[in-house]
Amino acid sequence: MRRLENRVRQLEQASSYSGLPQLQGLINQIIELVKSNQKIIDEVIVANSDLRNELGKLPPKIDELVFQMKSFMNLVRMAGEETDVSIPSDMMSPVTEQLQKIVEQNQKVLESNQEMINSMGEINKKIKSGTPVSQLFSSYPRINIRSLQKQ
């Protein structure tokens, strides 16, 4: 940058002898551009230095946070070891019975749904094969189909 400034000054001196005002204006603009670039570089250096200082503060804070987390986890572990969470079986028996009933009901619903899927699959196959609808109705008496005319 300094060399460029010196070179511009030399050109400036040379142009002042030649008497070209346009060249003098161009040289002045170049000098201003070099000065503004130098200011920007100085500001970047200062910002970089500030950033390094802030980043230097992070590791001790992270170490402190890790230490506090370890302490907290040790407290939780000790509290878990000291408390005995045993529930008497007579308190759990009603809950267990209700859960067993729900499981049985779900099993029945599952079996019923599976039967329905199988029946629907068979009906679908018969319809695709061209079986008359009247014959399908007689094969599945439990199926109640409402007439569209009644609606």
C-alpha atoms as a PDB file:
ATOM      1  CA  MET A   1       0.000   0.000   0.000  1.00  0.00           C
ATOM      2  CA  ARG A   2       2.827   2.376   0.880  1.00  0.00           C
ATOM      3  CA  ARG A   3       4.601   1.615  -2.385  1.00  0.00           C
ATOM      4  CA  LEU A   4       1.416   2.341  -4.278  1.00  0.00           C
ATOM      5  CA  GLU A   5       1.058   5.658  -2.476  1.00  0.00           C
ATOM      6  CA  ASN A   6       4.663   6.574  -3.324  1.00  0.00           C
ATOM      7  CA  ARG A   7       4.117   5.606  -6.953  1.00  0.00           C
ATOM      8  CA  VAL A   8       0.960   7.735  -7.085  1.00  0.00           C
ATOM      9  CA  ARG A   9       2.859  10.702  -5.613  1.00  0.00           C
ATOM     10  CA  GLN A  10       5.530  10.308  -8.270  1.00  0.00           C
ATOM     11  CA  LEU A  11       2.860  10.255 -10.965  1.00  0.00           C
ATOM     12  CA  GLU A  12       1.269  13.272  -9.321  1.00  0.00           C
ATOM     13  CA  GLN A  13       4.500  15.202  -9.433  1.00  0.00           C
ATOM     14  CA  ALA A  14       5.110  14.177 -13.025  1.00  0.00           C
ATOM     15  CA  SER A  15       1.612  15.184 -14.059  1.00  0.00           C
ATOM     16  CA  SER A  16       1.833  18.564 -12.385  1.00  0.00           C
ATOM     17  CA  TYR A  17       4.691  19.366 -14.686  1.00  0.00           C
ATOM     18  CA  SER A  18       2.752  18.316 -17.737  1.00  0.00           C
ATOM     19  CA  GLY A  19      -0.233  20.459 -16.823  1.00  0.00           C
ATOM     20  CA  LEU A  20      -3.016  17.894 -17.381  1.00  0.00           C
ATOM     21  CA  PRO A  21      -5.772  18.671 -14.839  1.00  0.00           C
ATOM     22  CA  GLN A  22      -7.776  15.541 -15.779  1.00  0.00           C
ATOM     23  CA  LEU A  23      -4.885  13.278 -14.894  1.00  0.00           C
ATOM     24  CA  GLN A  24      -4.450  15.161 -11.639  1.00  0.00           C
ATOM     25  CA  GLY A  25      -8.113  14.501 -10.726  1.00  0.00           C
ATOM     26  CA  LEU A  26      -7.743  10.811 -11.509  1.00  0.00           C
ATOM     27  CA  ILE A  27      -4.651  10.579  -9.364  1.00  0.00           C
ATOM     28  CA  ASN A  28      -6.464  12.311  -6.488  1.00  0.00           C
ATOM     29  CA  GLN A  29      -9.321   9.803  -6.751  1.00  0.00           C
ATOM     30  CA  ILE A  30      -6.851   6.910  -6.670  1.00  0.00           C
ATOM     31  CA  ILE A  31      -5.177   8.381  -3.601  1.00  0.00           C
ATOM     32  CA  GLU A  32      -8.556   8.721  -1.851  1.00  0.00           C
ATOM     33  CA  LEU A  33      -9.385   5.120  -2.764  1.00  0.00           C
ATOM     34  CA  VAL A  34      -6.087   3.882  -1.324  1.00  0.00           C
ATOM     35  CA  LYS A  35      -6.670   5.850   1.889  1.00  0.00           C
ATOM     36  CA  SER A  36     -10.205   4.475   2.301  1.00  0.00           C
ATOM     37  CA  ASN A  37      -8.929   0.925   1.702  1.00  0.00           C
ATOM     38  CA  GLN A  38      -6.291   1.460   4.387  1.00  0.00           C
ATOM     39  CA  LYS A  39      -9.003   2.631   6.825  1.00  0.00           C
ATOM     40  CA  ILE A  40     -11.065  -0.477   6.080  1.00  0.00           C
ATOM     41  CA  ILE A  41      -8.045  -2.728   6.640  1.00  0.00           C
ATOM     42  CA  ASP A  42      -7.342  -1.013   9.965  1.00  0.00           C
ATOM     43  CA  GLU A  43     -10.966  -1.496  11.065  1.00  0.00           C
ATOM     44  CA  VAL A  44     -10.862  -5.198  10.092  1.00  0.00           C
ATOM     45  CA  ILE A  45      -7.675  -5.653  12.124  1.00  0.00           C
ATOM     46  CA  VAL A  46      -9.304  -4.038  15.173  1.00  0.00           C
ATOM     47  CA  ALA A  47     -12.462  -6.160  14.757  1.00  0.00           C
ATOM     48  CA  ASN A  48     -10.359  -9.310  14.392  1.00  0.00           C
ATOM     49  CA  SER A  49      -8.451  -8.461  17.561  1.00  0.00           C
ATOM     50  CA  ASP A  50     -11.700  -7.876  19.482  1.00  0.00           C
ATOM     51  CA  LEU A  51     -13.109 -11.162  18.208  1.00  0.00           C
ATOM     52  CA  ARG A  52     -10.005 -13.040  19.329  1.00  0.00           C
ATOM     53  CA  ASN A  53     -10.303 -11.496  22.792  1.00  0.00           C
ATOM     54  CA  GLU A  54     -13.968 -12.564  23.062  1.00  0.00           C
ATOM     55  CA  LEU A  55     -13.194 -16.078  21.831  1.00  0.00           C
ATOM     56  CA  GLY A  56     -10.417 -16.312  24.410  1.00  0.00           C
ATOM     57  CA  LYS A  57     -13.027 -15.795  27.150  1.00  0.00           C
ATOM     58  CA  LEU A  58     -15.151 -18.769  25.990  1.00  0.00           C
ATOM     59  CA  PRO A  59     -13.054 -21.815  27.069  1.00  0.00           C
ATOM     60  CA  PRO A  60     -13.038 -20.959  30.796  1.00  0.00           C
ATOM     61  CA  LYS A  61     -16.789 -20.331  30.687  1.00  0.00           C
ATOM     62  CA  ILE A  62     -17.376 -23.658  28.919  1.00  0.00           C
ATOM     63  CA  ASP A  63     -15.213 -25.422  31.529  1.00  0.00           C
ATOM     64  CA  GLU A  64     -17.269 -23.821  34.296  1.00  0.00           C
ATOM     65  CA  LEU A  65     -20.515 -24.905  32.625  1.00  0.00           C
ATOM     66  CA  VAL A  66     -19.268 -28.501  32.263  1.00  0.00           C
ATOM     67  CA  PHE A  67     -18.252 -28.550  35.916  1.00  0.00           C
ATOM     68  CA  GLN A  68     -21.677 -27.280  36.984  1.00  0.00           C
ATOM     69  CA  MET A  69     -23.433 -29.861  34.789  1.00  0.00           C
ATOM     70  CA  LYS A  70     -21.344 -32.661  36.313  1.00  0.00           C
ATOM     71  CA  SER A  71     -22.197 -31.412  39.798  1.00  0.00           C
ATOM     72  CA  PHE A  72     -25.888 -31.303  38.915  1.00  0.00           C
ATOM     73  CA  MET A  73     -25.790 -34.829  37.477  1.00  0.00           C
ATOM     74  CA  ASN A  74     -24.062 -36.092  40.633  1.00  0.00           C
ATOM     75  CA  LEU A  75     -26.784 -34.503  42.767  1.00  0.00           C
ATOM     76  CA  VAL A  76     -29.498 -36.111  40.648  1.00  0.00           C
ATOM     77  CA  ARG A  77     -27.743 -39.493  40.833  1.00  0.00           C
ATOM     78  CA  MET A  78     -27.366 -39.256  44.613  1.00  0.00           C
ATOM     79  CA  ALA A  79     -31.011 -38.227  45.025  1.00  0.00           C
ATOM     80  CA  GLY A  80     -32.096 -41.180  42.889  1.00  0.00           C
ATOM     81  CA  GLU A  81     -30.066 -43.609  44.967  1.00  0.00           C
ATOM     82  CA  GLU A  82     -31.403 -42.286  48.264  1.00  0.00           C
ATOM     83  CA  THR A  83     -35.097 -42.395  47.421  1.00  0.00           C
ATOM     84  CA  ASP A  84     -36.885 -45.741  47.331  1.00  0.00           C
ATOM     85  CA  VAL A  85     -39.728 -45.668  44.852  1.00  0.00           C
ATOM     86  CA  SER A  86     -41.524 -48.900  45.531  1.00  0.00           C
ATOM     87  CA  ILE A  87     -45.273 -49.073  45.073  1.00  0.00           C
ATOM     88  CA  PRO A  88     -47.116 -51.780  46.985  1.00  0.00           C
ATOM     89  CA  SER A  89     -48.567 -54.481  44.752  1.00  0.00           C
ATOM     90  CA  ASP A  90     -52.043 -54.127  46.271  1.00  0.00           C
ATOM     91  CA  MET A  91     -52.155 -50.538  44.952  1.00  0.00           C
ATOM     92  CA  MET A  92     -51.126 -51.642  41.483  1.00  0.00           C
ATOM     93  CA  SER A  93     -53.506 -54.611  41.152  1.00  0.00           C
ATOM     94  CA  PRO A  94     -56.577 -52.534  40.067  1.00  0.00           C
ATOM     95  CA  VAL A  95     -54.489 -50.751  37.474  1.00  0.00           C
ATOM     96  CA  THR A  96     -53.067 -54.032  36.249  1.00  0.00           C
ATOM     97  CA  GLU A  97     -56.531 -55.574  35.978  1.00  0.00           C
ATOM     98  CA  GLN A  98     -57.878 -52.615  34.013  1.00  0.00           C
ATOM     99  CA  LEU A  99     -54.899 -52.731  31.666  1.00  0.00           C
ATOM    100  CA  GLN A 100     -55.467 -56.452  31.128  1.00  0.00           C
ATOM    101  CA  LYS A 101     -59.122 -55.796  30.240  1.00  0.00           C
ATOM    102  CA  ILE A 102     -58.091 -53.120  27.755  1.00  0.00           C
ATOM    103  CA  VAL A 103     -55.587 -55.501  26.161  1.00  0.00           C
ATOM    104  CA  GLU A 104     -58.279 -58.190  25.797  1.00  0.00           C
ATOM    105  CA  GLN A 105     -60.744 -55.721  24.261  1.00  0.00           C
ATOM    106  CA  ASN A 106     -58.121 -54.516  21.822  1.00  0.00           C
ATOM    107  CA  GLN A 107     -57.397 -58.120  20.841  1.00  0.00           C
ATOM    108  CA  LYS A 108     -61.095 -58.739  20.136  1.00  0.00           C
ATOM    109  CA  VAL A 109     -61.347 -55.569  18.045  1.00  0.00           C
ATOM    110  CA  LEU A 110     -58.235 -56.587  16.144  1.00  0.00           C
ATOM    111  CA  GLU A 111     -59.673 -60.051  15.385  1.00  0.00           C
ATOM    112  CA  SER A 112     -62.988 -58.532  14.310  1.00  0.00           C
ATOM    113  CA  ASN A 113     -61.256 -56.068  12.015  1.00  0.00           C
ATOM    114  CA  GLN A 114     -59.171 -58.849  10.506  1.00  0.00           C
ATOM    115  CA  GLU A 115     -62.317 -60.882   9.756  1.00  0.00           C
ATOM    116  CA  MET A 116     -63.897 -57.817   8.135  1.00  0.00           C
ATOM    117  CA  ILE A 117     -60.807 -57.246   5.983  1.00  0.00           C
ATOM    118  CA  ASN A 118     -60.835 -60.872   4.866  1.00  0.00           C
ATOM    119  CA  SER A 119     -64.549 -60.698   3.996  1.00  0.00           C
ATOM    120  CA  MET A 120     -64.104 -57.457   2.077  1.00  0.00           C
ATOM    121  CA  GLY A 121     -61.185 -58.999   0.185  1.00  0.00           C
ATOM    122  CA  GLU A 122     -63.297 -61.972  -0.830  1.00  0.00           C
ATOM    123  CA  ILE A 123     -66.164 -59.713  -1.936  1.00  0.00           C
ATOM    124  CA  ASN A 124     -63.736 -57.610  -3.946  1.00  0.00           C
ATOM    125  CA  LYS A 125     -62.341 -60.704  -5.687  1.00  0.00           C
ATOM    126  CA  LYS A 126     -65.848 -61.944  -6.518  1.00  0.00           C
ATOM    127  CA  ILE A 127     -66.912 -58.560  -7.876  1.00  0.00           C
ATOM    128  CA  LYS A 128     -63.816 -58.376 -10.069  1.00  0.00           C
ATOM    129  CA  SER A 129     -64.403 -61.908 -11.343  1.00  0.00           C
ATOM    130  CA  GLY A 130     -67.930 -60.951 -12.456  1.00  0.00           C
ATOM    131  CA  THR A 131     -70.074 -62.650  -9.807  1.00  0.00           C
ATOM    132  CA  PRO A 132     -73.638 -61.262  -9.875  1.00  0.00           C
ATOM    133  CA  VAL A 133     -74.539 -58.922  -7.024  1.00  0.00           C
ATOM    134  CA  SER A 134     -77.582 -60.997  -6.074  1.00  0.00           C
ATOM    135  CA  GLN A 135     -75.357 -64.009  -5.509  1.00  0.00           C
ATOM    136  CA  LEU A 136     -72.986 -61.881  -3.362  1.00  0.00           C
ATOM    137  CA  PHE A 137     -75.892 -60.790  -1.155  1.00  0.00           C
ATOM    138  CA  SER A 138     -76.951 -64.352  -0.574  1.00  0.00           C
ATOM    139  CA  SER A 139     -73.358 -65.353   0.313  1.00  0.00           C
ATOM    140  CA  TYR A 140     -73.069 -62.688   3.008  1.00  0.00           C
ATOM    141  CA  PRO A 141     -76.423 -62.450   4.808  1.00  0.00           C
ATOM    142  CA  ARG A 142     -75.021 -60.285   7.621  1.00  0.00           C
ATOM    143  CA  ILE A 143     -74.169 -57.464   5.244  1.00  0.00           C
ATOM    144  CA  ASN A 144     -76.949 -54.880   5.163  1.00  0.00           C
ATOM    145  CA  ILE A 145     -76.814 -52.643   2.116  1.00  0.00           C
ATOM    146  CA  ARG A 146     -79.130 -49.662   2.079  1.00  0.00           C
ATOM    147  CA  SER A 147     -80.786 -48.701  -1.109  1.00  0.00           C
ATOM    148  CA  LEU A 148     -79.790 -45.385  -2.616  1.00  0.00           C
ATOM    149  CA  GLN A 149     -83.433 -44.765  -3.604  1.00  0.00           C
ATOM    150  CA  LYS A 150     -84.562 -44.636   0.047  1.00  0.00           C
ATOM    151  CA  GLN A 151     -82.116 -41.868   0.864  1.00  0.00           C
END
